[in-house]
Amino acid sequence: MAATLDMPSLGKFYRRQLLEDVLPFWFPRAYDEKNGGLYHCFDADGTLVDSDKSVWAQGRMAWMLLTMYNSIEKNPDWLKQCSEGVVSWTDAEAIQMLADLKNLFDAGYVNDDWQTTRDGNLPYKMAEGEIAMMYTGPWTSFAIQKLNPSMELGWFYVPDVKGVTYAGDNLDTFWSVTKECEEDPDKYDAAMTFLKYFYSEQNYTLTCEAICSFPLTKEWIATAGVPFQEETERAFRSSDKQIATYIGDEDTPVDFEKGMLLLLRSEWNSEVSVTDTAQHIQQLWNSCEASQEANQ
């Protein structure tokens, strides 16, 4: 005997669950009132378990709210929630950033070879006096002082217009274990033994000191590196906000970074206005995001 589905009853059930259970759980709990965007990692009791906000989840939540607005009812709260915390390259802040960046190029503060110069070349350029200032990580300071021990190095974070300091942190470099290794008990045990040794406090401290880098472990590890490293690490830990995402990381749509740089070069060469550049970047983002989702 074949079972039949009561579609009208199911429709009422899912609608009630959506409107009376799902939405009240997520909103307004998901809003990040301080930094913008939507949190999406909560425990069953509503406790926030992870404050990272992936780009994919931001778009998915905005799409869900807009779809409900268009297909269930014209609820103005859903429309407001759809755009709450969602940012665009055409926002005033992004346009101001693009204008400020163009001013740096117009004033001649940026080297012509900025796009082809790698971190490995920066210590030589700085030690030999080819450049006066660079945007990089603390690991280059050790190499500079080895090349030119008499050079005095200084550093600074650039605050925003409100005086808030944002410190960037590159945390996308990790060890990984292959599926083959995971499925082989002996190989997996050997890998875990190595990782425990690598991240042991004594060994990892020596590693960070040798490469003049910040520790990535959750527990605080005090290093005794060069003074420059110690000063920058203390400042990073005490900054107003630490940023661990950037254009080109895993949350950026595939091919967006390359296309964005081409658009920025047109702006810096005064071929395209700042406003038009912002619109073109947003269109590029949408296109790359749609292409990535279609290929998943």
Protein backbone atom coordinates (compact mmCIF):
# COMPACT_ATOMS: atom_id res chain seq x y z
CA MET A 1 0.00 0.00 0.00
CA ALA A 2 1.59 3.28 -1.09
CA ALA A 3 1.64 6.15 1.36
CA THR A 4 0.40 9.52 0.15
CA LEU A 5 1.64 12.92 1.25
CA ASP A 6 -0.76 15.54 2.50
CA MET A 7 0.94 18.48 0.76
CA PRO A 8 -1.35 21.22 2.17
CA SER A 9 -0.72 20.00 5.74
CA LEU A 10 3.01 19.71 5.11
CA GLY A 11 3.05 23.22 3.66
CA LYS A 12 1.37 24.62 6.77
CA PHE A 13 3.76 22.68 9.01
CA TYR A 14 6.93 23.94 7.26
CA ARG A 15 5.61 27.49 7.09
CA ARG A 16 4.86 27.45 10.81
CA GLN A 17 8.32 26.00 11.61
CA LEU A 18 9.99 28.64 9.44
CA LEU A 19 8.10 31.65 10.79
CA GLU A 20 7.67 30.61 14.42
CA ASP A 21 10.83 28.61 15.08
CA VAL A 22 13.65 29.15 12.59
CA LEU A 23 13.44 32.92 12.08
CA PRO A 24 12.97 33.81 15.79
CA PHE A 25 16.06 31.72 16.59
CA TRP A 26 18.31 33.48 14.06
CA PHE A 27 17.09 37.06 14.19
CA PRO A 28 18.12 39.40 15.71
CA ARG A 29 20.64 37.02 17.35
CA ALA A 30 22.70 36.73 14.15
CA TYR A 31 23.47 40.45 13.83
CA ASP A 32 26.99 41.59 14.65
CA GLU A 33 26.03 45.04 15.92
CA LYS A 34 29.65 46.14 16.40
CA ASN A 35 31.40 45.03 13.20
CA GLY A 36 28.52 44.35 10.81
CA GLY A 37 27.61 41.13 9.05
CA LEU A 38 25.72 38.06 10.25
CA TYR A 39 26.98 35.38 12.62
CA HIS A 40 26.10 31.85 11.55
CA CYS A 41 27.65 29.46 14.10
CA PHE A 42 25.39 28.98 17.13
CA ASP A 43 24.78 26.16 19.57
CA ALA A 44 21.25 24.80 19.99
CA ASP A 45 20.73 27.08 23.00
CA GLY A 46 21.71 30.16 20.96
CA THR A 47 25.27 30.43 22.29
CA LEU A 48 27.72 31.83 19.72
CA VAL A 49 30.39 29.16 19.16
CA ASP A 50 32.40 30.81 16.37
CA SER A 51 32.55 34.50 15.45
CA ASP A 52 34.05 33.96 11.97
CA LYS A 53 31.69 35.15 9.20
CA SER A 54 32.23 33.48 5.82
CA VAL A 55 31.31 35.38 2.68
CA TRP A 56 29.27 32.42 1.41
CA ALA A 57 27.07 32.42 4.53
CA GLN A 58 26.49 36.19 4.31
CA GLY A 59 25.19 35.84 0.77
CA ARG A 60 23.11 32.76 1.57
CA MET A 61 21.35 34.42 4.54
CA ALA A 62 20.65 37.58 2.56
CA TRP A 63 19.30 35.46 -0.33
CA MET A 64 17.02 33.53 2.06
CA LEU A 65 15.48 36.69 3.51
CA LEU A 66 14.97 38.27 0.09
CA THR A 67 13.41 35.06 -1.25
CA MET A 68 10.96 34.98 1.67
CA TYR A 69 10.09 38.62 1.01
CA ASN A 70 9.38 37.88 -2.66
CA SER A 71 7.60 34.51 -2.25
CA ILE A 72 5.86 34.47 1.17
CA GLU A 73 4.87 38.00 2.06
CA LYS A 74 6.13 41.57 1.61
CA ASN A 75 7.38 41.79 5.17
CA PRO A 76 9.45 45.01 5.50
CA ASP A 77 11.40 43.51 8.41
CA TRP A 78 12.72 40.75 6.16
CA LEU A 79 13.83 43.29 3.58
CA LYS A 80 15.58 45.29 6.28
CA GLN A 81 17.22 42.15 7.67
CA CYS A 82 18.34 41.18 4.18
CA SER A 83 20.53 44.28 3.91
CA GLU A 84 21.41 44.57 7.61
CA GLY A 85 25.16 44.20 7.91
CA VAL A 86 25.58 43.24 4.24
CA VAL A 87 28.26 45.35 2.62
CA SER A 88 28.95 46.29 -0.98
CA TRP A 89 31.90 47.69 -2.89
CA THR A 90 29.66 50.65 -3.71
CA ASP A 91 29.16 51.60 -0.04
CA ALA A 92 30.50 55.00 1.02
CA GLU A 93 33.29 53.43 3.09
CA ALA A 94 34.54 51.31 0.20
CA ILE A 95 34.48 54.26 -2.22
CA GLN A 96 36.44 56.37 0.28
CA MET A 97 39.00 53.58 0.60
CA LEU A 98 39.41 53.42 -3.18
CA ALA A 99 39.83 57.21 -3.31
CA ASP A 100 42.45 57.16 -0.52
CA LEU A 101 44.32 54.38 -2.28
CA LYS A 102 44.36 56.32 -5.55
CA ASN A 103 45.73 59.37 -3.72
CA LEU A 104 48.72 57.32 -2.56
CA PHE A 105 49.56 56.44 -6.16
CA ASP A 106 48.93 59.99 -7.39
CA ALA A 107 51.29 61.37 -4.74
CA GLY A 108 54.07 58.98 -5.80
CA TYR A 109 54.23 57.07 -2.51
CA VAL A 110 53.99 53.64 -4.19
CA ASN A 111 56.83 52.07 -6.16
CA ASP A 112 56.16 51.26 -9.81
CA ASP A 113 57.15 47.62 -9.22
CA TRP A 114 54.75 47.15 -6.29
CA GLN A 115 52.87 44.29 -7.96
CA THR A 116 55.96 42.22 -8.82
CA THR A 117 57.91 42.78 -5.59
CA ARG A 118 57.65 39.82 -3.21
CA ASP A 119 58.28 39.67 0.52
CA GLY A 120 61.58 37.91 -0.14
CA ASN A 121 62.84 40.97 -2.07
CA LEU A 122 61.78 43.56 0.48
CA PRO A 123 64.65 43.06 2.99
CA TYR A 124 67.22 43.69 0.24
CA LYS A 125 65.41 46.80 -1.03
CA MET A 126 65.11 48.18 2.49
CA ALA A 127 68.68 47.32 3.54
CA GLU A 128 70.09 48.91 0.38
CA GLY A 129 67.99 52.06 0.73
CA GLU A 130 65.80 51.52 -2.34
CA ILE A 131 62.61 51.92 -0.29
CA ALA A 132 61.79 53.88 2.85
CA MET A 133 58.60 52.13 3.97
CA MET A 134 56.92 48.80 3.33
CA TYR A 135 53.70 46.93 4.12
CA THR A 136 54.67 43.46 5.29
CA GLY A 137 54.88 41.11 8.26
CA PRO A 138 57.43 41.11 11.11
CA TRP A 139 59.35 38.18 9.57
CA THR A 140 61.15 40.53 7.18
CA SER A 141 62.68 42.56 10.02
CA PHE A 142 65.07 39.75 10.99
CA ALA A 143 66.38 39.49 7.42
CA ILE A 144 66.81 43.28 7.16
CA GLN A 145 68.85 43.49 10.34
CA LYS A 146 71.06 40.60 9.18
CA LEU A 147 71.76 42.46 5.92
CA ASN A 148 72.26 45.82 7.60
CA PRO A 149 72.83 45.52 11.39
CA SER A 150 73.15 49.29 11.81
CA MET A 151 69.72 50.05 10.32
CA GLU A 152 67.14 51.33 12.79
CA LEU A 153 63.68 50.00 12.07
CA GLY A 154 60.42 51.61 13.08
CA TRP A 155 56.84 50.53 12.54
CA PHE A 156 53.28 51.77 12.94
CA TYR A 157 49.67 50.73 12.45
CA VAL A 158 47.50 53.13 10.48
CA PRO A 159 44.24 53.91 12.34
CA ASP A 160 41.01 54.60 10.50
CA VAL A 161 39.33 58.00 10.40
CA LYS A 162 37.73 57.27 13.79
CA GLY A 163 41.08 56.43 15.37
CA VAL A 164 40.43 52.67 15.55
CA THR A 165 43.45 50.45 14.91
CA TYR A 166 42.88 47.37 12.75
CA ALA A 167 45.74 44.87 12.80
CA GLY A 168 45.89 42.35 9.98
CA ASP A 169 46.77 38.74 10.75
CA ASN A 170 47.59 36.11 8.13
CA LEU A 171 46.33 32.85 9.63
CA ASP A 172 45.69 30.82 6.48
CA THR A 173 48.90 28.73 6.59
CA PHE A 174 48.39 25.37 8.26
CA TRP A 175 49.62 21.82 8.36
CA SER A 176 47.23 19.36 6.71
CA VAL A 177 46.72 15.61 6.87
CA THR A 178 45.81 13.73 3.70
CA LYS A 179 42.88 11.33 3.51
CA GLU A 180 45.34 8.49 2.87
CA CYS A 181 47.24 9.38 6.04
CA GLU A 182 44.04 9.61 8.08
CA GLU A 183 42.95 6.14 7.01
CA ASP A 184 46.32 4.54 7.88
CA PRO A 185 46.62 4.23 11.71
CA ASP A 186 50.43 4.08 11.66
CA LYS A 187 50.83 7.10 9.36
CA TYR A 188 48.20 9.08 11.25
CA ASP A 189 49.88 8.34 14.59
CA ALA A 190 53.23 9.42 13.16
CA ALA A 191 51.70 12.66 11.83
CA MET A 192 50.08 13.48 15.19
CA THR A 193 53.36 12.75 16.99
CA PHE A 194 55.18 15.17 14.70
CA LEU A 195 52.57 17.90 15.11
CA LYS A 196 52.64 17.58 18.90
CA TYR A 197 56.43 17.88 18.77
CA PHE A 198 56.35 20.83 16.36
CA TYR A 199 53.85 22.77 18.49
CA SER A 200 55.37 21.84 21.84
CA GLU A 201 56.06 25.06 23.74
CA GLN A 202 59.85 24.72 23.76
CA ASN A 203 60.22 23.76 20.10
CA TYR A 204 57.59 26.15 18.72
CA THR A 205 59.07 29.04 20.67
CA LEU A 206 62.44 28.41 19.02
CA THR A 207 60.75 28.17 15.60
CA CYS A 208 58.97 31.51 16.02
CA GLU A 209 62.15 33.20 17.23
CA ALA A 210 64.16 31.81 14.31
CA ILE A 211 61.77 33.13 11.64
CA CYS A 212 60.67 36.23 13.59
CA SER A 213 57.00 35.26 13.42
CA PHE A 214 53.96 35.44 15.70
CA PRO A 215 52.84 32.19 17.38
CA LEU A 216 49.60 30.81 15.95
CA THR A 217 48.68 28.67 18.94
CA LYS A 218 45.67 29.60 21.08
CA GLU A 219 47.79 29.59 24.24
CA TRP A 220 50.15 32.54 24.72
CA ILE A 221 53.79 31.71 23.93
CA ALA A 222 56.36 34.26 25.03
CA THR A 223 59.22 34.55 22.54
CA ALA A 224 62.59 36.18 22.93
CA GLY A 225 63.17 37.35 19.40
CA VAL A 226 64.61 40.62 18.20
CA PRO A 227 63.18 43.75 19.89
CA PHE A 228 61.30 44.70 16.72
CA GLN A 229 59.44 41.37 16.79
CA GLU A 230 58.55 41.70 20.47
CA GLU A 231 57.25 45.26 20.04
CA THR A 232 55.07 44.44 17.04
CA GLU A 233 53.66 41.32 18.69
CA ARG A 234 52.69 43.24 21.84
CA ALA A 235 51.06 45.93 19.73
CA PHE A 236 49.17 43.36 17.69
CA ARG A 237 47.80 41.65 20.78
CA SER A 238 46.60 45.00 22.17
CA SER A 239 45.13 46.41 18.93
CA ASP A 240 41.47 47.49 18.84
CA LYS A 241 40.52 44.84 16.30
CA GLN A 242 42.39 41.97 14.69
CA ILE A 243 41.53 41.02 11.10
CA ALA A 244 42.28 37.53 9.83
CA THR A 245 40.64 37.77 6.40
CA TYR A 246 41.82 39.54 3.28
CA ILE A 247 41.29 39.70 -0.47
CA GLY A 248 42.66 36.48 -1.91
CA ASP A 249 41.97 34.15 1.01
CA GLU A 250 39.59 31.19 1.02
CA ASP A 251 36.49 33.38 1.47
CA THR A 252 37.20 35.35 -1.72
CA PRO A 253 35.51 34.10 -4.92
CA VAL A 254 37.87 32.38 -7.33
CA ASP A 255 39.54 34.77 -9.84
CA PHE A 256 38.23 37.87 -8.02
CA GLU A 257 41.62 39.09 -6.78
CA LYS A 258 43.22 39.03 -10.24
CA GLY A 259 40.31 40.83 -11.87
CA MET A 260 40.13 43.38 -9.05
CA LEU A 261 43.79 44.34 -9.48
CA LEU A 262 43.20 45.01 -13.18
CA LEU A 263 40.26 47.29 -12.32
CA LEU A 264 42.31 49.11 -9.68
CA ARG A 265 45.14 49.74 -12.12
CA SER A 266 42.67 51.41 -14.49
CA GLU A 267 41.52 53.64 -11.62
CA TRP A 268 45.06 54.54 -10.54
CA ASN A 269 45.93 55.42 -14.14
CA SER A 270 42.90 57.79 -14.15
CA GLU A 271 41.24 55.78 -16.91
CA VAL A 272 38.13 55.13 -14.79
CA SER A 273 36.54 57.17 -11.99
CA VAL A 274 36.51 55.96 -8.38
CA THR A 275 32.72 55.53 -8.42
CA ASP A 276 32.76 53.54 -11.67
CA THR A 277 35.61 51.40 -10.31
CA ALA A 278 33.52 50.55 -7.24
CA GLN A 279 30.59 49.52 -9.43
CA HIS A 280 32.82 47.40 -11.68
CA ILE A 281 34.38 45.66 -8.65
CA GLN A 282 30.94 44.84 -7.25
CA GLN A 283 29.86 43.44 -10.62
CA LEU A 284 33.06 41.38 -10.74
CA TRP A 285 32.41 40.05 -7.23
CA ASN A 286 28.85 39.02 -8.14
CA SER A 287 30.02 37.36 -11.34
CA CYS A 288 32.86 35.43 -9.67
CA GLU A 289 30.62 34.36 -6.80
CA ALA A 290 27.91 33.11 -9.17
CA SER A 291 30.47 31.22 -11.26
CA GLN A 292 31.96 29.61 -8.16
CA GLU A 293 28.59 28.47 -6.85
CA ALA A 294 27.67 27.03 -10.27
CA ASN A 295 30.85 24.95 -10.29
CA GLN A 296 30.45 23.54 -6.77
